[in-house]
Amino acid sequence: MSHVLTQEDRLLIEIILVGCTKLISMIIHEDPKQYAKRLSKEYAKSNLDTFIRLSYLSKQKLNDGQTFRPYNIRGSIPEDLKKLKNIQAGDMRRTLQSLRRTNVIAGQVDGDQIVKLEDNRRRPSTKNDKPSGRDSPYQTTQFYNKMKKLLNKSNALDLVHHLLLESGMLFKYVKYTELVYLYIIKINHDRDKTWNICKSVFPSSTETDFDKLYKQMHSTDSLSDSRELEECASDRTKLVVESHCPDYFIGLYEIGGQFFQA
């Protein structure tokens, strides 16, 4: 169903477009091969914040004004990703600080600061399902909730998607991620380790596609140089963009909206 876009909706769309352009420009600035090398390190955490931003709120299915706690976030992360990325309490704090800085969450309940709760001394938990430590409730901000509601409007999402396609920014982003994915497969020679890296950095990747590319790169002479990888990445990007509806990219658009204020 089509929704009438208000003036506020159009302002939020501008924020998302500017934020996405800013985010994508920053991401593609780094050489994809060098980025793939960094991600290939056993305890690389470069993609940690992005993964949590994309997944934790949707997994919690929060309503406006509903609170959540840091241990809810950690509980939503797959166990294999925790092990691969060596995720610790400090990573959770860093992610929470990032989300607060970009106006996604706030340490407030009904407008009252919860500093008193956050400043309590650490204490052992009396519940088996709750870790020890300070009780620090958060909630999503009005800005984030408005952006989520906006992107649930089909015509607003279609407009954001169309404009990022027309500007070429979406194609640049997808091609960059495809190149990083291909380089990770190319520069690593342990099949299982390489797959673990790929599925943690790119959660939507499939093992069938991975095995096909891994075999091409390590058992044949195909995709042996950077020019062939560029061509393969371009072909894969066209397929991704043409075969997926705007909903597929909604996580990127949400992060773009957040990044506007970073």
Protein backbone atom coordinates (compact mmCIF):
# COMPACT_ATOMS: atom_id res chain seq x y z
CA MET A 1 0.00 0.00 0.00
CA SER A 2 1.33 3.44 -0.93
CA HIS A 3 1.68 6.04 1.82
CA VAL A 4 1.65 9.80 1.46
CA LEU A 5 5.11 11.14 2.28
CA THR A 6 5.06 14.04 4.71
CA GLN A 7 7.59 16.86 4.88
CA GLU A 8 9.22 15.08 7.81
CA ASP A 9 9.40 11.88 5.77
CA ARG A 10 11.19 13.70 2.96
CA LEU A 11 13.66 15.21 5.42
CA LEU A 12 14.41 11.75 6.82
CA ILE A 13 14.90 10.44 3.28
CA GLU A 14 17.47 13.19 2.67
CA ILE A 15 19.22 12.21 5.92
CA ILE A 16 19.35 8.56 4.83
CA LEU A 17 20.68 9.46 1.37
CA VAL A 18 23.39 11.77 2.73
CA GLY A 19 24.31 9.24 5.43
CA CYS A 20 24.50 6.35 2.95
CA THR A 21 26.68 8.38 0.58
CA LYS A 22 28.97 9.33 3.45
CA LEU A 23 29.12 5.74 4.74
CA ILE A 24 29.73 4.12 1.35
CA SER A 25 32.39 6.68 0.41
CA MET A 26 34.24 5.89 3.63
CA ILE A 27 33.96 2.12 3.13
CA ILE A 28 35.19 2.00 -0.47
CA HIS A 29 38.09 4.35 0.27
CA GLU A 30 40.16 1.41 1.55
CA ASP A 31 41.75 -0.93 -0.98
CA PRO A 32 39.56 -4.09 -1.05
CA LYS A 33 42.53 -6.45 -1.07
CA GLN A 34 44.06 -4.79 1.99
CA TYR A 35 40.71 -4.87 3.77
CA ALA A 36 40.36 -8.58 2.94
CA LYS A 37 43.77 -9.19 4.47
CA ARG A 38 42.76 -7.41 7.68
CA LEU A 39 39.52 -9.37 7.90
CA SER A 40 41.46 -12.60 7.39
CA LYS A 41 43.31 -12.18 10.66
CA GLU A 42 41.98 -14.62 13.24
CA TYR A 43 40.71 -12.02 15.68
CA ALA A 44 39.84 -9.21 13.28
CA LYS A 45 36.85 -7.25 14.56
CA SER A 46 36.43 -4.74 11.74
CA ASN A 47 32.92 -5.89 10.88
CA LEU A 48 31.68 -6.36 14.43
CA ASP A 49 29.84 -3.06 14.86
CA THR A 50 28.18 -3.32 11.46
CA PHE A 51 26.95 -6.85 12.11
CA ILE A 52 25.47 -5.95 15.47
CA ARG A 53 23.87 -2.77 14.10
CA LEU A 54 22.17 -4.82 11.41
CA SER A 55 20.93 -7.61 13.63
CA TYR A 56 20.43 -6.89 17.27
CA LEU A 57 17.42 -4.55 17.21
CA SER A 58 15.49 -6.68 14.72
CA LYS A 59 16.18 -9.79 16.80
CA GLN A 60 14.93 -8.07 19.95
CA LYS A 61 11.78 -6.86 18.10
CA LEU A 62 11.52 -3.82 20.34
CA ASN A 63 8.47 -1.61 20.47
CA ASP A 64 8.74 2.16 20.92
CA GLY A 65 9.80 2.93 24.47
CA GLN A 66 10.62 -0.70 25.34
CA THR A 67 13.94 -1.15 27.12
CA PHE A 68 16.71 -3.69 26.56
CA ARG A 69 20.02 -4.48 28.22
CA PRO A 70 23.53 -5.13 26.87
CA TYR A 71 23.36 -8.84 27.63
CA ASN A 72 20.34 -9.05 25.27
CA ILE A 73 22.62 -7.85 22.48
CA ARG A 74 25.35 -10.36 23.21
CA GLY A 75 22.78 -13.15 23.36
CA SER A 76 21.62 -12.37 19.80
CA ILE A 77 25.07 -12.96 18.28
CA PRO A 78 25.64 -16.47 16.83
CA GLU A 79 28.02 -18.57 18.90
CA ASP A 80 30.36 -19.22 15.97
CA LEU A 81 30.76 -15.47 15.41
CA LYS A 82 31.56 -14.92 19.09
CA LYS A 83 34.31 -17.52 18.87
CA LEU A 84 35.75 -16.34 15.57
CA LYS A 85 35.79 -12.66 16.45
CA ASN A 86 36.76 -13.18 20.11
CA ILE A 87 33.94 -10.87 21.22
CA GLN A 88 34.35 -9.65 24.76
CA ALA A 89 32.61 -7.24 27.16
CA GLY A 90 34.74 -4.35 25.91
CA ASP A 91 33.38 -4.88 22.40
CA MET A 92 29.84 -4.59 23.73
CA ARG A 93 30.68 -1.29 25.41
CA ARG A 94 32.27 0.03 22.23
CA THR A 95 29.19 -0.92 20.22
CA LEU A 96 26.83 0.69 22.73
CA GLN A 97 28.90 3.88 22.67
CA SER A 98 28.74 3.90 18.87
CA LEU A 99 24.97 3.42 18.87
CA ARG A 100 24.52 6.21 21.41
CA ARG A 101 26.78 8.54 19.45
CA THR A 102 24.75 8.02 16.27
CA ASN A 103 21.46 8.62 18.13
CA VAL A 104 20.16 5.06 17.77
CA ILE A 105 19.84 4.30 21.46
CA ALA A 106 19.71 6.33 24.67
CA GLY A 107 20.27 5.47 28.32
CA GLN A 108 16.92 6.93 29.32
CA VAL A 109 13.55 5.65 30.44
CA ASP A 110 10.50 7.95 30.22
CA GLY A 111 12.81 10.95 29.91
CA ASP A 112 14.65 10.26 33.21
CA GLN A 113 18.37 9.57 33.16
CA ILE A 114 19.29 6.14 34.44
CA VAL A 115 22.76 7.13 35.58
CA LYS A 116 21.99 5.88 39.09
CA LEU A 117 21.35 2.43 37.70
CA GLU A 118 24.50 2.50 35.60
CA ASP A 119 26.67 3.69 38.50
CA ASN A 120 25.70 0.90 40.89
CA ARG A 121 28.60 -1.17 42.12
CA ARG A 122 29.12 -4.47 40.33
CA ARG A 123 27.28 -7.24 42.10
CA PRO A 124 26.74 -10.97 41.56
CA SER A 125 23.57 -11.93 39.75
CA THR A 126 20.81 -13.79 41.56
CA LYS A 127 19.33 -15.07 38.31
CA ASN A 128 20.83 -17.82 36.20
CA ASP A 129 19.86 -16.16 32.93
CA LYS A 130 21.32 -12.74 33.77
CA PRO A 131 25.06 -11.96 33.97
CA SER A 132 26.59 -10.17 36.92
CA GLY A 133 27.31 -6.45 36.73
CA ARG A 134 25.49 -3.17 36.48
CA ASP A 135 21.88 -3.13 35.32
CA SER A 136 21.99 -0.71 32.37
CA PRO A 137 18.72 -0.44 30.47
CA TYR A 138 18.60 1.38 27.13
CA GLN A 139 15.89 2.18 24.62
CA THR A 140 15.82 3.15 20.98
CA THR A 141 15.60 6.86 20.25
CA GLN A 142 12.72 8.71 18.64
CA PHE A 143 14.97 9.36 15.61
CA TYR A 144 15.69 5.65 15.11
CA ASN A 145 12.04 4.66 15.56
CA LYS A 146 10.93 7.27 13.01
CA MET A 147 13.53 6.04 10.52
CA LYS A 148 12.39 2.42 10.96
CA LYS A 149 8.76 3.43 10.40
CA LEU A 150 9.71 5.45 7.34
CA LEU A 151 11.54 2.53 5.73
CA ASN A 152 8.48 0.36 6.35
CA LYS A 153 6.62 2.60 3.89
CA SER A 154 7.06 0.93 0.52
CA ASN A 155 7.14 4.16 -1.49
CA ALA A 156 9.74 5.71 0.86
CA LEU A 157 11.96 2.61 0.65
CA ASP A 158 11.53 2.47 -3.13
CA LEU A 159 12.53 6.13 -3.43
CA VAL A 160 15.66 5.70 -1.29
CA HIS A 161 16.60 2.59 -3.27
CA HIS A 162 15.97 4.25 -6.64
CA LEU A 163 18.02 7.36 -5.82
CA LEU A 164 21.00 5.36 -4.53
CA LEU A 165 20.84 3.22 -7.66
CA GLU A 166 20.69 6.29 -9.90
CA SER A 167 23.63 7.89 -8.12
CA GLY A 168 25.73 4.74 -8.57
CA MET A 169 26.47 4.54 -4.84
CA LEU A 170 24.60 1.27 -4.29
CA PHE A 171 26.47 -0.38 -7.18
CA LYS A 172 29.80 0.84 -5.78
CA TYR A 173 28.98 -0.52 -2.34
CA VAL A 174 27.88 -3.95 -3.57
CA LYS A 175 30.85 -4.27 -5.93
CA TYR A 176 33.24 -3.38 -3.12
CA THR A 177 31.76 -6.03 -0.83
CA GLU A 178 31.93 -8.57 -3.64
CA LEU A 179 35.59 -7.75 -4.25
CA VAL A 180 36.40 -8.12 -0.56
CA TYR A 181 34.57 -11.46 -0.53
CA LEU A 182 36.54 -12.67 -3.57
CA TYR A 183 39.88 -11.53 -2.16
CA ILE A 184 39.22 -13.28 1.16
CA ILE A 185 38.69 -16.52 -0.76
CA LYS A 186 41.74 -15.94 -2.95
CA ILE A 187 44.33 -15.08 -0.29
CA ASN A 188 43.37 -17.81 2.21
CA HIS A 189 44.26 -21.44 1.56
CA ASP A 190 42.56 -23.24 4.43
CA ARG A 191 39.06 -24.00 3.18
CA ASP A 192 37.31 -24.25 6.56
CA LYS A 193 38.98 -21.17 8.01
CA THR A 194 38.16 -19.19 4.86
CA TRP A 195 34.51 -20.19 5.02
CA ASN A 196 34.33 -19.21 8.71
CA ILE A 197 35.69 -15.76 7.83
CA CYS A 198 33.28 -15.33 4.92
CA LYS A 199 30.16 -16.33 6.82
CA SER A 200 31.05 -14.07 9.76
CA VAL A 201 31.80 -11.04 7.60
CA PHE A 202 29.01 -11.72 5.09
CA PRO A 203 26.21 -13.53 6.99
CA SER A 204 24.03 -13.88 3.88
CA SER A 205 26.71 -15.78 1.92
CA THR A 206 25.97 -19.42 1.06
CA GLU A 207 28.35 -22.34 1.35
CA THR A 208 27.42 -23.57 -2.14
CA ASP A 209 28.49 -20.29 -3.74
CA PHE A 210 31.60 -20.18 -1.58
CA ASP A 211 32.68 -23.72 -2.55
CA LYS A 212 32.24 -22.93 -6.24
CA LEU A 213 34.45 -19.84 -6.00
CA TYR A 214 37.00 -21.51 -3.73
CA LYS A 215 37.40 -24.36 -6.21
CA GLN A 216 37.74 -21.93 -9.11
CA MET A 217 40.50 -19.99 -7.39
CA HIS A 218 42.46 -22.83 -5.83
CA SER A 219 41.98 -25.72 -8.27
CA THR A 220 42.01 -23.95 -11.63
CA ASP A 221 43.68 -20.96 -13.26
CA SER A 222 40.49 -18.89 -13.38
CA LEU A 223 40.15 -15.68 -11.35
CA SER A 224 43.92 -15.60 -10.99
CA ASP A 225 44.54 -11.86 -11.34
CA SER A 226 42.98 -8.60 -10.18
CA ARG A 227 41.43 -7.84 -13.58
CA GLU A 228 39.50 -11.12 -13.58
CA LEU A 229 38.40 -10.52 -10.00
CA GLU A 230 37.14 -7.05 -10.97
CA GLU A 231 35.12 -8.50 -13.84
CA CYS A 232 33.71 -11.26 -11.63
CA ALA A 233 32.78 -8.73 -8.94
CA SER A 234 31.01 -6.55 -11.53
CA ASP A 235 29.01 -9.51 -12.86
CA ARG A 236 28.06 -10.63 -9.36
CA THR A 237 27.07 -7.06 -8.43
CA LYS A 238 24.71 -6.77 -11.40
CA LEU A 239 23.09 -10.05 -10.39
CA VAL A 240 22.69 -8.95 -6.75
CA VAL A 241 21.23 -5.55 -7.64
CA GLU A 242 18.90 -6.87 -10.34
CA SER A 243 17.65 -9.93 -8.47
CA HIS A 244 16.90 -8.35 -5.09
CA CYS A 245 14.09 -6.02 -4.12
CA PRO A 246 14.71 -2.87 -2.02
CA ASP A 247 13.93 -4.76 1.21
CA TYR A 248 17.18 -6.71 0.77
CA PHE A 249 19.19 -3.51 1.28
CA ILE A 250 17.15 -2.06 4.15
CA GLY A 251 19.91 -2.81 6.67
CA LEU A 252 22.34 -0.67 4.66
CA TYR A 253 19.82 2.18 4.49
CA GLU A 254 19.23 2.02 8.24
CA ILE A 255 22.96 2.21 8.95
CA GLY A 256 23.25 5.06 6.45
CA GLY A 257 20.62 6.99 8.37
CA GLN A 258 22.54 6.36 11.60
CA PHE A 259 25.84 7.30 9.99
CA PHE A 260 24.53 10.75 9.07
CA GLN A 261 25.19 11.79 12.67
CA ALA A 262 28.49 9.91 13.12
